Amino acid sequence: MPSKLRLVLPHGLLLVATLFLYWAATRIQVNVGAGRIGPDAWPKAIIVFMGLLCAWEMARRLVMRRRDGAAPAIAPGAGAGDDPQSTPAMHAGKLVAGAGLVFAYVIAVPWLGFFVATVVFLAAFPWCGGMRRPVLTTALGLAGGLALVIVFMRVAYISLPLGEGPFRALSLALLSAIGVS
């Protein structure tokens, strides 16, 4: 396979998937009043953004060159003559930990509620990636969780899981504090 094609193939496939997903999003039937955003707007916006990112990355990989004039690296271990010093090391443990966190997040959201689960996830993810600054990771988790709750609940009007027991009470108190009734 030509090296330029290998550079853009993953993003090209994602772009094709994006086109299919956008087509599927156009099939969402909505009856929304005038001047209101329907439930079809957010998936379409995210899909368009994903398509633009794929197109950008394809163009970047085809056009951009490294400063020394060589073509950009394809992927670790992709070429027979790759210099091991020029490609980042793969860390299987970090990959497994990150995937496990995503899986645990999906499982925990109904019980912990969106805010608590998101704060824990956003703090734990960089920790698993190697960032060992607990104050910073905690601050990132809290700021990110609060920002996402505000965006989803105040801007996009998307209902989020509140959690069970004390987590539900915490979620309701937070919603009251930010003015969501």
Protein backbone atom coordinates (compact mmCIF):
# COMPACT_ATOMS: atom_id res chain seq x y z
CA MET A 1 0.00 0.00 0.00
CA PRO A 2 1.42 3.44 -0.88
CA SER A 3 2.70 5.32 2.15
CA LYS A 4 0.45 8.36 1.55
CA LEU A 5 -2.62 6.11 1.46
CA ARG A 6 -1.52 4.44 4.70
CA LEU A 7 -1.26 7.90 6.25
CA VAL A 8 -4.87 8.87 5.49
CA LEU A 9 -6.70 5.53 5.42
CA PRO A 10 -7.87 5.51 9.07
CA HIS A 11 -9.21 9.05 8.84
CA GLY A 12 -10.72 8.35 5.44
CA LEU A 13 -12.64 5.42 6.88
CA LEU A 14 -13.79 7.60 9.77
CA LEU A 15 -14.94 10.23 7.28
CA VAL A 16 -17.03 7.63 5.46
CA ALA A 17 -18.49 6.54 8.82
CA THR A 18 -19.20 10.20 9.57
CA LEU A 19 -21.20 10.55 6.36
CA PHE A 20 -23.24 7.47 7.28
CA LEU A 21 -23.83 8.75 10.81
CA TYR A 22 -24.95 12.14 9.52
CA TRP A 23 -27.37 10.45 7.15
CA ALA A 24 -28.70 8.41 10.10
CA ALA A 25 -29.08 11.60 12.17
CA THR A 26 -31.23 13.14 9.44
CA ARG A 27 -33.70 10.32 10.04
CA ILE A 28 -34.47 11.57 13.57
CA GLN A 29 -38.11 12.68 13.57
CA VAL A 30 -38.69 15.83 15.59
CA ASN A 31 -41.65 18.08 16.34
CA VAL A 32 -40.14 21.15 17.96
CA GLY A 33 -41.66 24.62 18.28
CA ALA A 34 -40.31 27.53 16.28
CA GLY A 35 -37.02 28.95 17.54
CA ARG A 36 -36.09 25.87 19.60
CA ILE A 37 -33.26 23.46 19.02
CA GLY A 38 -34.47 19.91 18.52
CA PRO A 39 -32.85 16.71 19.74
CA ASP A 40 -31.42 16.17 16.27
CA ALA A 41 -29.20 19.29 16.40
CA TRP A 42 -26.56 18.07 18.85
CA PRO A 43 -25.79 14.72 17.19
CA LYS A 44 -25.56 16.47 13.81
CA ALA A 45 -23.25 19.15 15.21
CA ILE A 46 -20.93 16.58 16.76
CA ILE A 47 -20.91 14.48 13.60
CA VAL A 48 -20.08 17.53 11.44
CA PHE A 49 -17.26 18.42 13.83
CA MET A 50 -15.94 14.84 13.63
CA GLY A 51 -16.04 14.98 9.82
CA LEU A 52 -14.18 18.29 9.77
CA LEU A 53 -11.51 16.88 12.09
CA CYS A 54 -11.07 13.84 9.85
CA ALA A 55 -10.78 16.01 6.73
CA TRP A 56 -8.31 18.29 8.52
CA GLU A 57 -6.14 15.39 9.63
CA MET A 58 -6.19 13.85 6.14
CA ALA A 59 -5.12 17.16 4.59
CA ARG A 60 -2.48 17.68 7.26
CA ARG A 61 -1.01 14.23 6.72
CA LEU A 62 -0.96 14.66 2.93
CA VAL A 63 0.42 18.20 2.84
CA MET A 64 2.50 18.74 5.95
CA ARG A 65 6.12 17.73 6.10
CA ARG A 66 8.42 17.55 9.06
CA ARG A 67 10.94 20.39 9.36
CA ASP A 68 13.72 18.17 8.04
CA GLY A 69 11.72 17.54 4.84
CA ALA A 70 10.86 13.94 5.59
CA ALA A 71 7.31 12.65 5.45
CA PRO A 72 5.51 12.41 8.79
CA ALA A 73 5.85 9.16 10.72
CA ILE A 74 3.11 6.65 9.94
CA ALA A 75 2.66 4.82 13.20
CA PRO A 76 4.85 3.02 15.72
CA GLY A 77 5.99 -0.24 14.21
CA ALA A 78 4.28 0.43 10.84
CA GLY A 79 7.39 0.59 8.68
CA ALA A 80 10.25 -1.85 8.49
CA GLY A 81 12.95 0.79 8.83
CA ASP A 82 11.34 2.96 11.51
CA ASP A 83 13.73 4.47 14.00
CA PRO A 84 12.55 3.35 17.47
CA GLN A 85 13.80 6.63 18.93
CA SER A 86 11.47 8.70 16.70
CA THR A 87 8.19 7.04 17.70
CA PRO A 88 6.55 7.27 21.12
CA ALA A 89 6.55 4.15 23.23
CA MET A 90 3.30 2.23 23.56
CA HIS A 91 2.11 1.73 27.11
CA ALA A 92 -0.32 -1.17 27.16
CA GLY A 93 -1.00 -0.73 30.87
CA LYS A 94 -2.06 2.87 30.40
CA LEU A 95 -4.25 1.91 27.45
CA VAL A 96 -5.97 -0.84 29.45
CA ALA A 97 -6.41 1.47 32.44
CA GLY A 98 -7.92 4.21 30.25
CA ALA A 99 -10.30 1.79 28.55
CA GLY A 100 -11.23 0.36 31.95
CA LEU A 101 -11.99 3.85 33.25
CA VAL A 102 -14.28 4.53 30.30
CA PHE A 103 -16.09 1.23 30.91
CA ALA A 104 -16.37 1.91 34.65
CA TYR A 105 -17.68 5.43 33.93
CA VAL A 106 -20.49 4.06 31.76
CA ILE A 107 -21.42 1.54 34.45
CA ALA A 108 -21.18 4.03 37.36
CA VAL A 109 -23.09 7.02 35.93
CA PRO A 110 -26.59 5.73 36.80
CA TRP A 111 -25.63 5.17 40.46
CA LEU A 112 -23.19 8.03 41.08
CA GLY A 113 -24.93 10.56 38.87
CA PHE A 114 -23.39 12.46 36.00
CA PHE A 115 -21.56 15.06 38.08
CA VAL A 116 -19.84 12.74 40.57
CA ALA A 117 -18.96 10.11 37.95
CA THR A 118 -17.59 12.77 35.60
CA VAL A 119 -15.48 14.42 38.29
CA VAL A 120 -13.97 11.05 39.28
CA PHE A 121 -13.38 10.11 35.64
CA LEU A 122 -11.79 13.44 34.68
CA ALA A 123 -9.49 13.27 37.72
CA ALA A 124 -8.59 9.58 37.32
CA PHE A 125 -7.95 9.60 33.56
CA PRO A 126 -4.86 11.85 33.61
CA TRP A 127 -3.68 10.05 36.74
CA CYS A 128 -3.75 6.74 34.84
CA GLY A 129 -1.94 8.47 32.00
CA GLY A 130 0.96 9.33 34.27
CA MET A 131 0.13 12.78 35.68
CA ARG A 132 1.04 12.54 39.37
CA ARG A 133 -0.18 15.91 40.62
CA PRO A 134 -3.21 15.18 42.82
CA VAL A 135 -4.20 18.81 43.36
CA LEU A 136 -4.16 19.50 39.63
CA THR A 137 -6.02 16.32 38.65
CA THR A 138 -8.66 16.99 41.32
CA ALA A 139 -9.06 20.59 40.14
CA LEU A 140 -9.35 19.41 36.53
CA GLY A 141 -11.98 16.86 37.52
CA LEU A 142 -14.07 19.36 39.49
CA ALA A 143 -13.79 22.15 36.90
CA GLY A 144 -14.51 19.79 34.00
CA GLY A 145 -17.47 18.14 35.75
CA LEU A 146 -19.00 21.49 36.67
CA ALA A 147 -18.44 22.89 33.17
CA LEU A 148 -20.07 19.86 31.54
CA VAL A 149 -23.08 20.00 33.89
CA ILE A 150 -23.55 23.69 33.09
CA VAL A 151 -23.23 23.14 29.34
CA PHE A 152 -25.56 20.15 29.25
CA MET A 153 -28.16 21.38 31.75
CA ARG A 154 -28.17 25.17 31.22
CA VAL A 155 -27.21 25.50 27.56
CA ALA A 156 -28.30 22.31 25.81
CA TYR A 157 -31.19 21.43 28.17
CA ILE A 158 -30.16 17.78 28.29
CA SER A 159 -31.37 15.75 31.23
CA LEU A 160 -28.54 13.96 33.03
CA PRO A 161 -28.56 11.03 35.47
CA LEU A 162 -28.80 12.32 39.05
CA GLY A 163 -27.60 9.17 40.79
CA GLU A 164 -28.97 7.29 43.78
CA GLY A 165 -29.14 8.08 47.51
CA PRO A 166 -26.65 10.71 48.69
CA PHE A 167 -25.36 11.22 45.12
CA ARG A 168 -28.86 12.21 44.02
CA ALA A 169 -29.06 14.72 46.87
CA LEU A 170 -25.67 16.15 45.86
CA SER A 171 -26.76 16.41 42.21
CA LEU A 172 -30.00 18.17 43.16
CA ALA A 173 -28.13 20.61 45.40
CA LEU A 174 -25.67 21.37 42.57
CA LEU A 175 -28.50 21.91 40.08
CA SER A 176 -30.19 24.25 42.51
CA ALA A 177 -26.95 26.17 43.03
CA ILE A 178 -26.47 26.71 39.28
CA GLY A 179 -30.09 27.70 38.77
CA VAL A 180 -31.54 24.61 37.13
CA SER A 181 -34.92 23.74 38.59
